[in-house]
Amino acid sequence: MPTTFPPTPEVKKELPTKIRAPFSIPGKKYLMLSLVIMALVFVLGGSAYIWLYRNDIRIPGARFSTGPTVQVDKYTSVEDSTPTITITVSVDSKKYYIEKNGVIMGQIPNDGKVKVKASLYKQTEKNAYIAVVYEKAAAQPLFERGPDKLLILNLETNALNDVTPRGADNLGDISSNETLAAWLLYGVKQRTLAIKNLVNWQEIIFGLPKVYNLFGAIRFSPDNNKVAFAAANQTAGKEGSAIYVIDIKSKSQTVVVETKDPKVIYKVTGWKDNENVEYSP
């Protein structure tokens, strides 16, 4: 099941970098006292240090000792394997900053013409997925909508890439091995589904059944070789709903279940195994 899209993070004001001793109390009037205590510790043969903070988030690696050299924080704690990813908004709301452990890795610009919302969509050991949604006219979708745009931050190399296919506006699912992403593309004459390879950036485009005009509830099979999706049509006289499965390797499409009952809308809920789809109702 795909991760539920979280709410937009609170707007956080951009604050200047602060110097803070590990035992100090935030505030200018306490800084001198903290530095005096640190100097005393150093004179007695001990060691002390100060951290640099931005937006009240400690900047990794920015640790300065009371001695003549700069020390680097090695991060031997669990924070090493599970970095903290945050999405913050600039004061003027024109930029979203993508931060890893308080350090800016990249940004999402907003020209102000369309309202943009960005948030952490999913995080794994290898990647952090940043979702972008463009606010549109209010409408109740038949199927749950996914993000319009997806950026991936590699947590090892810190590389940030936009992996959204051209013309796509609805992320359906990400494969369990994090190598494929399924997207809906809105064409002029026909809706299509794109499978994007997140390793080599190649795309495979599949045409969707023309008898239907609404699609969603996309799910990869456990082995990531197939993808299931739901289809529906609520136009008077053309009502119907169905579940389809695409075999990515053979590029074949098969119907799992179909109905013309206007009161029934099928939705994919998951997979029992690599061959059998679970759906409702």
C-alpha atoms as a PDB file:
ATOM      1  CA  MET A   1       0.000   0.000   0.000  1.00  0.00           C
ATOM      2  CA  PRO A   2       1.371   3.438  -0.823  1.00  0.00           C
ATOM      3  CA  THR A   3       2.227   5.850   1.922  1.00  0.00           C
ATOM      4  CA  THR A   4      -0.575   8.300   2.692  1.00  0.00           C
ATOM      5  CA  PHE A   5       0.313  11.823   1.633  1.00  0.00           C
ATOM      6  CA  PRO A   6       1.013  13.819   4.823  1.00  0.00           C
ATOM      7  CA  PRO A   7      -0.181  17.358   5.552  1.00  0.00           C
ATOM      8  CA  THR A   8       1.826  20.411   4.593  1.00  0.00           C
ATOM      9  CA  PRO A   9       4.481  21.206   7.207  1.00  0.00           C
ATOM     10  CA  GLU A  10       4.163  24.350   9.286  1.00  0.00           C
ATOM     11  CA  VAL A  11       5.802  27.481   7.922  1.00  0.00           C
ATOM     12  CA  LYS A  12       9.093  28.027   9.716  1.00  0.00           C
ATOM     13  CA  LYS A  13      10.871  31.379   9.715  1.00  0.00           C
ATOM     14  CA  GLU A  14      14.441  31.436   8.445  1.00  0.00           C
ATOM     15  CA  LEU A  15      16.685  32.328  11.360  1.00  0.00           C
ATOM     16  CA  PRO A  16      20.392  33.193  11.339  1.00  0.00           C
ATOM     17  CA  THR A  17      22.985  30.621  12.348  1.00  0.00           C
ATOM     18  CA  LYS A  18      23.392  30.519  16.127  1.00  0.00           C
ATOM     19  CA  ILE A  19      26.333  29.554  18.308  1.00  0.00           C
ATOM     20  CA  ARG A  20      25.367  27.389  21.236  1.00  0.00           C
ATOM     21  CA  ALA A  21      27.361  25.499  23.849  1.00  0.00           C
ATOM     22  CA  PRO A  22      26.095  21.969  24.509  1.00  0.00           C
ATOM     23  CA  PHE A  23      25.102  22.953  28.040  1.00  0.00           C
ATOM     24  CA  SER A  24      24.014  26.533  27.309  1.00  0.00           C
ATOM     25  CA  ILE A  25      20.558  28.011  27.544  1.00  0.00           C
ATOM     26  CA  PRO A  26      19.370  29.733  24.323  1.00  0.00           C
ATOM     27  CA  GLY A  27      19.527  33.514  24.604  1.00  0.00           C
ATOM     28  CA  LYS A  28      22.154  36.202  24.290  1.00  0.00           C
ATOM     29  CA  LYS A  29      22.379  36.932  28.035  1.00  0.00           C
ATOM     30  CA  TYR A  30      23.447  33.330  28.750  1.00  0.00           C
ATOM     31  CA  LEU A  31      26.047  33.046  25.971  1.00  0.00           C
ATOM     32  CA  MET A  32      28.834  34.877  27.874  1.00  0.00           C
ATOM     33  CA  LEU A  33      28.247  32.761  30.999  1.00  0.00           C
ATOM     34  CA  SER A  34      28.403  29.591  28.879  1.00  0.00           C
ATOM     35  CA  LEU A  35      31.683  30.665  27.251  1.00  0.00           C
ATOM     36  CA  VAL A  36      33.202  31.506  30.657  1.00  0.00           C
ATOM     37  CA  ILE A  37      32.288  28.029  31.938  1.00  0.00           C
ATOM     38  CA  MET A  38      33.827  26.466  28.820  1.00  0.00           C
ATOM     39  CA  ALA A  39      37.047  28.468  29.299  1.00  0.00           C
ATOM     40  CA  LEU A  40      37.257  27.297  32.914  1.00  0.00           C
ATOM     41  CA  VAL A  41      36.816  23.665  31.834  1.00  0.00           C
ATOM     42  CA  PHE A  42      39.609  24.090  29.290  1.00  0.00           C
ATOM     43  CA  VAL A  43      42.007  25.690  31.863  1.00  0.00           C
ATOM     44  CA  LEU A  44      41.418  22.773  34.223  1.00  0.00           C
ATOM     45  CA  GLY A  45      42.574  20.392  31.493  1.00  0.00           C
ATOM     46  CA  GLY A  46      39.236  19.290  30.179  1.00  0.00           C
ATOM     47  CA  SER A  47      37.654  19.905  26.799  1.00  0.00           C
ATOM     48  CA  ALA A  48      34.583  21.804  25.714  1.00  0.00           C
ATOM     49  CA  TYR A  49      32.992  22.751  22.436  1.00  0.00           C
ATOM     50  CA  ILE A  50      30.194  24.728  20.832  1.00  0.00           C
ATOM     51  CA  TRP A  51      27.695  23.796  18.119  1.00  0.00           C
ATOM     52  CA  LEU A  52      26.328  25.872  15.252  1.00  0.00           C
ATOM     53  CA  TYR A  53      22.537  25.937  14.996  1.00  0.00           C
ATOM     54  CA  ARG A  54      20.215  27.075  12.145  1.00  0.00           C
ATOM     55  CA  ASN A  55      16.456  27.318  12.674  1.00  0.00           C
ATOM     56  CA  ASP A  56      17.113  25.627  16.031  1.00  0.00           C
ATOM     57  CA  ILE A  57      18.483  22.576  14.158  1.00  0.00           C
ATOM     58  CA  ARG A  58      22.056  21.551  14.861  1.00  0.00           C
ATOM     59  CA  ILE A  59      24.272  21.729  11.768  1.00  0.00           C
ATOM     60  CA  PRO A  60      26.047  18.327  11.411  1.00  0.00           C
ATOM     61  CA  GLY A  61      29.845  18.540  11.372  1.00  0.00           C
ATOM     62  CA  ALA A  62      29.932  22.146  12.629  1.00  0.00           C
ATOM     63  CA  ARG A  63      31.501  21.528  16.045  1.00  0.00           C
ATOM     64  CA  PHE A  64      34.275  23.814  17.238  1.00  0.00           C
ATOM     65  CA  SER A  65      36.449  22.916  20.217  1.00  0.00           C
ATOM     66  CA  THR A  66      38.043  25.276  22.725  1.00  0.00           C
ATOM     67  CA  GLY A  67      41.407  24.098  21.379  1.00  0.00           C
ATOM     68  CA  PRO A  68      43.170  25.383  18.240  1.00  0.00           C
ATOM     69  CA  THR A  69      41.671  22.826  15.817  1.00  0.00           C
ATOM     70  CA  VAL A  70      38.212  22.203  14.375  1.00  0.00           C
ATOM     71  CA  GLN A  71      36.653  18.856  15.204  1.00  0.00           C
ATOM     72  CA  VAL A  72      34.142  17.081  12.986  1.00  0.00           C
ATOM     73  CA  ASP A  73      31.142  15.325  14.398  1.00  0.00           C
ATOM     74  CA  LYS A  74      31.299  11.669  13.218  1.00  0.00           C
ATOM     75  CA  TYR A  75      27.654  10.871  14.071  1.00  0.00           C
ATOM     76  CA  THR A  76      28.050   7.412  15.493  1.00  0.00           C
ATOM     77  CA  SER A  77      24.489   7.332  16.839  1.00  0.00           C
ATOM     78  CA  VAL A  78      21.345   5.971  15.160  1.00  0.00           C
ATOM     79  CA  GLU A  79      21.061   9.353  13.451  1.00  0.00           C
ATOM     80  CA  ASP A  80      23.687   8.017  11.020  1.00  0.00           C
ATOM     81  CA  SER A  81      21.434   5.294   9.606  1.00  0.00           C
ATOM     82  CA  THR A  82      18.190   7.226   9.957  1.00  0.00           C
ATOM     83  CA  PRO A  83      18.761  10.841   8.922  1.00  0.00           C
ATOM     84  CA  THR A  84      16.071  13.375   9.691  1.00  0.00           C
ATOM     85  CA  ILE A  85      14.456  14.809   6.557  1.00  0.00           C
ATOM     86  CA  THR A  86      12.449  18.005   6.910  1.00  0.00           C
ATOM     87  CA  ILE A  87      10.679  20.261   4.408  1.00  0.00           C
ATOM     88  CA  THR A  88      10.607  23.910   5.438  1.00  0.00           C
ATOM     89  CA  VAL A  89       9.048  26.937   3.772  1.00  0.00           C
ATOM     90  CA  SER A  90      10.739  30.292   3.257  1.00  0.00           C
ATOM     91  CA  VAL A  91       9.268  33.360   4.924  1.00  0.00           C
ATOM     92  CA  ASP A  92       7.875  34.646   1.621  1.00  0.00           C
ATOM     93  CA  SER A  93       6.476  31.152   0.824  1.00  0.00           C
ATOM     94  CA  LYS A  94       8.249  31.138  -2.536  1.00  0.00           C
ATOM     95  CA  LYS A  95      10.614  28.272  -1.800  1.00  0.00           C
ATOM     96  CA  TYR A  96      10.528  24.910  -0.087  1.00  0.00           C
ATOM     97  CA  TYR A  97      13.830  23.794   1.397  1.00  0.00           C
ATOM     98  CA  ILE A  98      14.704  20.096   1.572  1.00  0.00           C
ATOM     99  CA  GLU A  99      16.911  19.503   4.603  1.00  0.00           C
ATOM    100  CA  LYS A 100      18.817  16.453   5.817  1.00  0.00           C
ATOM    101  CA  ASN A 101      19.794  16.665   9.480  1.00  0.00           C
ATOM    102  CA  GLY A 102      19.336  20.426   9.276  1.00  0.00           C
ATOM    103  CA  VAL A 103      21.513  20.920   6.175  1.00  0.00           C
ATOM    104  CA  ILE A 104      19.843  22.175   2.982  1.00  0.00           C
ATOM    105  CA  MET A 105      20.125  19.607   0.182  1.00  0.00           C
ATOM    106  CA  GLY A 106      18.018  21.438  -2.403  1.00  0.00           C
ATOM    107  CA  GLN A 107      14.955  23.563  -2.927  1.00  0.00           C
ATOM    108  CA  ILE A 108      11.644  23.604  -4.766  1.00  0.00           C
ATOM    109  CA  PRO A 109      10.893  27.014  -6.283  1.00  0.00           C
ATOM    110  CA  ASN A 110       7.384  28.410  -6.507  1.00  0.00           C
ATOM    111  CA  ASP A 111       6.726  31.229  -8.952  1.00  0.00           C
ATOM    112  CA  GLY A 112       3.523  32.126  -7.147  1.00  0.00           C
ATOM    113  CA  LYS A 113       1.275  31.448 -10.164  1.00  0.00           C
ATOM    114  CA  VAL A 114       0.069  28.128  -8.768  1.00  0.00           C
ATOM    115  CA  LYS A 115      -0.158  27.210  -5.103  1.00  0.00           C
ATOM    116  CA  VAL A 116       2.346  24.513  -4.274  1.00  0.00           C
ATOM    117  CA  LYS A 117       2.521  22.096  -1.363  1.00  0.00           C
ATOM    118  CA  ALA A 118       5.623  20.004  -0.710  1.00  0.00           C
ATOM    119  CA  SER A 119       6.132  17.360   1.946  1.00  0.00           C
ATOM    120  CA  LEU A 120       7.926  14.118   2.740  1.00  0.00           C
ATOM    121  CA  TYR A 121       6.018  11.361   0.928  1.00  0.00           C
ATOM    122  CA  LYS A 122       8.060   8.363   1.999  1.00  0.00           C
ATOM    123  CA  GLN A 123      11.459   7.588   3.535  1.00  0.00           C
ATOM    124  CA  THR A 124      13.445   4.367   3.351  1.00  0.00           C
ATOM    125  CA  GLU A 125      17.014   3.361   4.182  1.00  0.00           C
ATOM    126  CA  LYS A 126      18.169   4.415   0.709  1.00  0.00           C
ATOM    127  CA  ASN A 127      15.992   7.354  -0.289  1.00  0.00           C
ATOM    128  CA  ALA A 128      13.739  10.151   0.828  1.00  0.00           C
ATOM    129  CA  TYR A 129      10.811  10.850  -1.508  1.00  0.00           C
ATOM    130  CA  ILE A 130       9.602  14.444  -1.651  1.00  0.00           C
ATOM    131  CA  ALA A 131       6.130  14.948  -3.073  1.00  0.00           C
ATOM    132  CA  VAL A 132       4.848  18.131  -4.680  1.00  0.00           C
ATOM    133  CA  VAL A 133       1.147  18.863  -5.165  1.00  0.00           C
ATOM    134  CA  TYR A 134      -0.238  21.735  -7.217  1.00  0.00           C
ATOM    135  CA  GLU A 135      -3.497  23.024  -5.821  1.00  0.00           C
ATOM    136  CA  LYS A 136      -6.290  22.796  -8.381  1.00  0.00           C
ATOM    137  CA  ALA A 137      -9.988  23.586  -8.417  1.00  0.00           C
ATOM    138  CA  ALA A 138     -11.695  21.740  -5.598  1.00  0.00           C
ATOM    139  CA  ALA A 139     -13.164  18.457  -6.776  1.00  0.00           C
ATOM    140  CA  GLN A 140     -13.843  15.148  -5.111  1.00  0.00           C
ATOM    141  CA  PRO A 141     -11.833  12.541  -7.051  1.00  0.00           C
ATOM    142  CA  LEU A 142     -13.243   9.084  -7.563  1.00  0.00           C
ATOM    143  CA  PHE A 143      -9.836   7.598  -6.747  1.00  0.00           C
ATOM    144  CA  GLU A 144      -7.359   8.949  -4.230  1.00  0.00           C
ATOM    145  CA  ARG A 145      -4.898  11.279  -5.959  1.00  0.00           C
ATOM    146  CA  GLY A 146      -1.157  11.017  -5.636  1.00  0.00           C
ATOM    147  CA  PRO A 147       1.457  13.783  -5.901  1.00  0.00           C
ATOM    148  CA  ASP A 148       1.884  15.751  -9.137  1.00  0.00           C
ATOM    149  CA  LYS A 149       5.673  15.709  -8.916  1.00  0.00           C
ATOM    150  CA  LEU A 150       8.227  13.484  -7.169  1.00  0.00           C
ATOM    151  CA  LEU A 151      11.803  14.255  -6.164  1.00  0.00           C
ATOM    152  CA  ILE A 152      14.163  11.637  -4.763  1.00  0.00           C
ATOM    153  CA  LEU A 153      16.984  12.441  -2.353  1.00  0.00           C
ATOM    154  CA  ASN A 154      19.637   9.701  -2.224  1.00  0.00           C
ATOM    155  CA  LEU A 155      20.551   9.485   1.450  1.00  0.00           C
ATOM    156  CA  GLU A 156      24.067   8.202   0.691  1.00  0.00           C
ATOM    157  CA  THR A 157      25.191  10.536  -2.105  1.00  0.00           C
ATOM    158  CA  ASN A 158      22.804  13.449  -1.296  1.00  0.00           C
ATOM    159  CA  ALA A 159      21.892  13.599  -5.012  1.00  0.00           C
ATOM    160  CA  LEU A 160      18.457  15.159  -5.570  1.00  0.00           C
ATOM    161  CA  ASN A 161      16.561  14.229  -8.763  1.00  0.00           C
ATOM    162  CA  ASP A 162      13.149  15.051 -10.205  1.00  0.00           C
ATOM    163  CA  VAL A 163      11.809  11.719 -11.506  1.00  0.00           C
ATOM    164  CA  THR A 164       8.445  12.934 -12.785  1.00  0.00           C
ATOM    165  CA  PRO A 165       7.680  11.759 -16.346  1.00  0.00           C
ATOM    166  CA  ARG A 166       6.775  14.467 -18.820  1.00  0.00           C
ATOM    167  CA  GLY A 167       3.019  15.037 -18.820  1.00  0.00           C
ATOM    168  CA  ALA A 168       2.445  13.112 -15.599  1.00  0.00           C
ATOM    169  CA  ASP A 169       0.317  14.548 -12.832  1.00  0.00           C
ATOM    170  CA  ASN A 170      -0.577  11.663 -10.558  1.00  0.00           C
ATOM    171  CA  LEU A 171       1.868   9.292  -8.850  1.00  0.00           C
ATOM    172  CA  GLY A 172       0.232   5.918  -8.360  1.00  0.00           C
ATOM    173  CA  ASP A 173       2.771   3.729  -6.572  1.00  0.00           C
ATOM    174  CA  ILE A 174       6.468   3.022  -5.993  1.00  0.00           C
ATOM    175  CA  SER A 175       7.723  -0.560  -6.249  1.00  0.00           C
ATOM    176  CA  SER A 176       8.888  -2.279  -3.060  1.00  0.00           C
ATOM    177  CA  ASN A 177      12.476  -2.484  -4.372  1.00  0.00           C
ATOM    178  CA  GLU A 178      12.432   1.267  -5.124  1.00  0.00           C
ATOM    179  CA  THR A 179      13.355   0.809  -8.799  1.00  0.00           C
ATOM    180  CA  LEU A 180      10.005   1.618 -10.458  1.00  0.00           C
ATOM    181  CA  ALA A 181       7.314   4.273 -10.161  1.00  0.00           C
ATOM    182  CA  ALA A 182       3.878   4.137 -11.790  1.00  0.00           C
ATOM    183  CA  TRP A 183       2.312   7.384 -13.032  1.00  0.00           C
ATOM    184  CA  LEU A 184      -0.916   8.420 -14.718  1.00  0.00           C
ATOM    185  CA  LEU A 185      -0.470  10.694 -17.732  1.00  0.00           C
ATOM    186  CA  TYR A 186      -3.292  12.839 -19.057  1.00  0.00           C
ATOM    187  CA  GLY A 187      -3.268  12.774 -22.851  1.00  0.00           C
ATOM    188  CA  VAL A 188      -5.509  14.763 -25.184  1.00  0.00           C
ATOM    189  CA  LYS A 189      -7.071  11.702 -26.808  1.00  0.00           C
ATOM    190  CA  GLN A 190      -6.210   8.881 -24.418  1.00  0.00           C
ATOM    191  CA  ARG A 191      -5.088   8.379 -20.852  1.00  0.00           C
ATOM    192  CA  THR A 192      -1.830   6.479 -20.421  1.00  0.00           C
ATOM    193  CA  LEU A 193       0.147   4.902 -17.618  1.00  0.00           C
ATOM    194  CA  ALA A 194       3.923   5.336 -17.411  1.00  0.00           C
ATOM    195  CA  ILE A 195       6.296   2.992 -15.613  1.00  0.00           C
ATOM    196  CA  LYS A 196       9.451   4.963 -14.834  1.00  0.00           C
ATOM    197  CA  ASN A 197      12.701   3.168 -14.019  1.00  0.00           C
ATOM    198  CA  LEU A 198      14.264   5.021 -11.091  1.00  0.00           C
ATOM    199  CA  VAL A 199      17.716   3.581 -11.833  1.00  0.00           C
ATOM    200  CA  ASN A 200      18.254   4.324 -15.541  1.00  0.00           C
ATOM    201  CA  TRP A 201      15.373   6.871 -15.936  1.00  0.00           C
ATOM    202  CA  GLN A 202      13.810   4.952 -18.846  1.00  0.00           C
ATOM    203  CA  GLU A 203      10.025   4.930 -19.263  1.00  0.00           C
ATOM    204  CA  ILE A 204       7.499   2.449 -20.637  1.00  0.00           C
ATOM    205  CA  ILE A 205       4.140   3.912 -21.682  1.00  0.00           C
ATOM    206  CA  PHE A 206       0.954   1.823 -21.650  1.00  0.00           C
ATOM    207  CA  GLY A 207      -2.316   2.889 -23.258  1.00  0.00           C
ATOM    208  CA  LEU A 208      -5.339   2.567 -20.974  1.00  0.00           C
ATOM    209  CA  PRO A 209      -8.795   1.224 -21.966  1.00  0.00           C
ATOM    210  CA  LYS A 210     -10.670   3.876 -23.947  1.00  0.00           C
ATOM    211  CA  VAL A 211     -14.048   2.786 -22.623  1.00  0.00           C
ATOM    212  CA  TYR A 212     -13.057   4.286 -19.258  1.00  0.00           C
ATOM    213  CA  ASN A 213     -12.077   7.841 -18.405  1.00  0.00           C
ATOM    214  CA  LEU A 214     -11.176   7.589 -14.712  1.00  0.00           C
ATOM    215  CA  PHE A 215      -8.214   5.620 -13.377  1.00  0.00           C
ATOM    216  CA  GLY A 216      -6.449   5.119 -10.068  1.00  0.00           C
ATOM    217  CA  ALA A 217      -5.744   2.764  -7.142  1.00  0.00           C
ATOM    218  CA  ILE A 218      -2.470   1.633  -8.760  1.00  0.00           C
ATOM    219  CA  ARG A 219      -0.485  -1.105  -6.997  1.00  0.00           C
ATOM    220  CA  PHE A 220       2.680  -3.012  -7.907  1.00  0.00           C
ATOM    221  CA  SER A 221       2.725  -6.777  -7.354  1.00  0.00           C
ATOM    222  CA  PRO A 222       5.058  -8.088  -4.608  1.00  0.00           C
ATOM    223  CA  ASP A 223       7.666  -9.159  -7.208  1.00  0.00           C
ATOM    224  CA  ASN A 224       7.281  -5.794  -9.019  1.00  0.00           C
ATOM    225  CA  ASN A 225       6.689  -7.508 -12.389  1.00  0.00           C
ATOM    226  CA  LYS A 226       3.026  -6.462 -12.652  1.00  0.00           C
ATOM    227  CA  VAL A 227       0.925  -3.445 -11.822  1.00  0.00           C
ATOM    228  CA  ALA A 228      -2.808  -3.407 -11.139  1.00  0.00           C
ATOM    229  CA  PHE A 229      -5.128  -0.441 -11.552  1.00  0.00           C
ATOM    230  CA  ALA A 230      -8.809   0.414 -11.309  1.00  0.00           C
ATOM    231  CA  ALA A 231     -10.853   1.982 -14.120  1.00  0.00           C
ATOM    232  CA  ALA A 232     -14.288   3.571 -14.151  1.00  0.00           C
ATOM    233  CA  ASN A 233     -16.694   5.585 -16.259  1.00  0.00           C
ATOM    234  CA  GLN A 234     -19.524   7.581 -14.710  1.00  0.00           C
ATOM    235  CA  THR A 235     -20.831   9.140 -17.919  1.00  0.00           C
ATOM    236  CA  ALA A 236     -24.564   8.563 -18.346  1.00  0.00           C
ATOM    237  CA  GLY A 237     -25.156   5.524 -20.491  1.00  0.00           C
ATOM    238  CA  LYS A 238     -21.490   4.437 -20.292  1.00  0.00           C
ATOM    239  CA  GLU A 239     -21.246   3.558 -16.620  1.00  0.00           C
ATOM    240  CA  GLY A 240     -18.925   0.779 -15.617  1.00  0.00           C
ATOM    241  CA  SER A 241     -15.894  -0.212 -13.568  1.00  0.00           C
ATOM    242  CA  ALA A 242     -13.077  -2.744 -13.845  1.00  0.00           C
ATOM    243  CA  ILE A 243      -9.736  -3.939 -12.469  1.00  0.00           C
ATOM    244  CA  TYR A 244      -6.858  -4.458 -14.914  1.00  0.00           C
ATOM    245  CA  VAL A 245      -3.385  -5.959 -14.569  1.00  0.00           C
ATOM    246  CA  ILE A 246      -0.420  -4.989 -16.735  1.00  0.00           C
ATOM    247  CA  ASP A 247       2.483  -7.406 -17.153  1.00  0.00           C
ATOM    248  CA  ILE A 248       5.442  -5.029 -17.406  1.00  0.00           C
ATOM    249  CA  LYS A 249       7.736  -7.457 -19.234  1.00  0.00           C
ATOM    250  CA  SER A 250       5.256  -8.802 -21.817  1.00  0.00           C
ATOM    251  CA  LYS A 251       3.313  -5.499 -21.916  1.00  0.00           C
ATOM    252  CA  SER A 252       0.032  -7.408 -21.900  1.00  0.00           C
ATOM    253  CA  GLN A 253      -3.147  -6.214 -20.163  1.00  0.00           C
ATOM    254  CA  THR A 254      -5.774  -8.492 -18.666  1.00  0.00           C
ATOM    255  CA  VAL A 255      -9.141  -7.802 -17.065  1.00  0.00           C
ATOM    256  CA  VAL A 256      -9.517  -9.182 -13.542  1.00  0.00           C
ATOM    257  CA  VAL A 257     -13.135  -8.157 -12.956  1.00  0.00           C
ATOM    258  CA  GLU A 258     -15.612  -5.872 -14.736  1.00  0.00           C
ATOM    259  CA  THR A 259     -19.155  -4.591 -14.234  1.00  0.00           C
ATOM    260  CA  LYS A 260     -21.660  -2.265 -15.870  1.00  0.00           C
ATOM    261  CA  ASP A 261     -23.465  -1.645 -12.598  1.00  0.00           C
ATOM    262  CA  PRO A 262     -23.270   2.157 -12.033  1.00  0.00           C
ATOM    263  CA  LYS A 263     -23.408   1.644  -8.273  1.00  0.00           C
ATOM    264  CA  VAL A 264     -20.222  -0.444  -8.187  1.00  0.00           C
ATOM    265  CA  ILE A 265     -16.756   1.144  -8.331  1.00  0.00           C
ATOM    266  CA  TYR A 266     -13.905  -1.326  -8.042  1.00  0.00           C
ATOM    267  CA  LYS A 267     -10.684  -0.290  -6.296  1.00  0.00           C
ATOM    268  CA  VAL A 268      -7.394  -2.187  -5.948  1.00  0.00           C
ATOM    269  CA  THR A 269      -6.502  -2.711  -2.283  1.00  0.00           C
ATOM    270  CA  GLY A 270      -3.376  -4.862  -2.711  1.00  0.00           C
ATOM    271  CA  TRP A 271      -2.092  -8.250  -3.839  1.00  0.00           C
ATOM    272  CA  LYS A 272      -2.602 -11.676  -2.229  1.00  0.00           C
ATOM    273  CA  ASP A 273       0.503 -12.928  -4.039  1.00  0.00           C
ATOM    274  CA  ASN A 274       2.275 -12.302  -7.345  1.00  0.00           C
ATOM    275  CA  GLU A 275      -0.702 -13.576  -9.353  1.00  0.00           C
ATOM    276  CA  ASN A 276      -3.844 -12.549  -7.488  1.00  0.00           C
ATOM    277  CA  VAL A 277      -5.116  -9.011  -6.932  1.00  0.00           C
ATOM    278  CA  GLU A 278      -7.141  -7.932  -3.923  1.00  0.00           C
ATOM    279  CA  TYR A 279      -9.895  -5.405  -4.575  1.00  0.00           C
ATOM    280  CA  SER A 280     -13.098  -3.958  -3.213  1.00  0.00           C
ATOM    281  CA  PRO A 281     -16.046  -4.111  -3.070  1.00  0.00           C
END
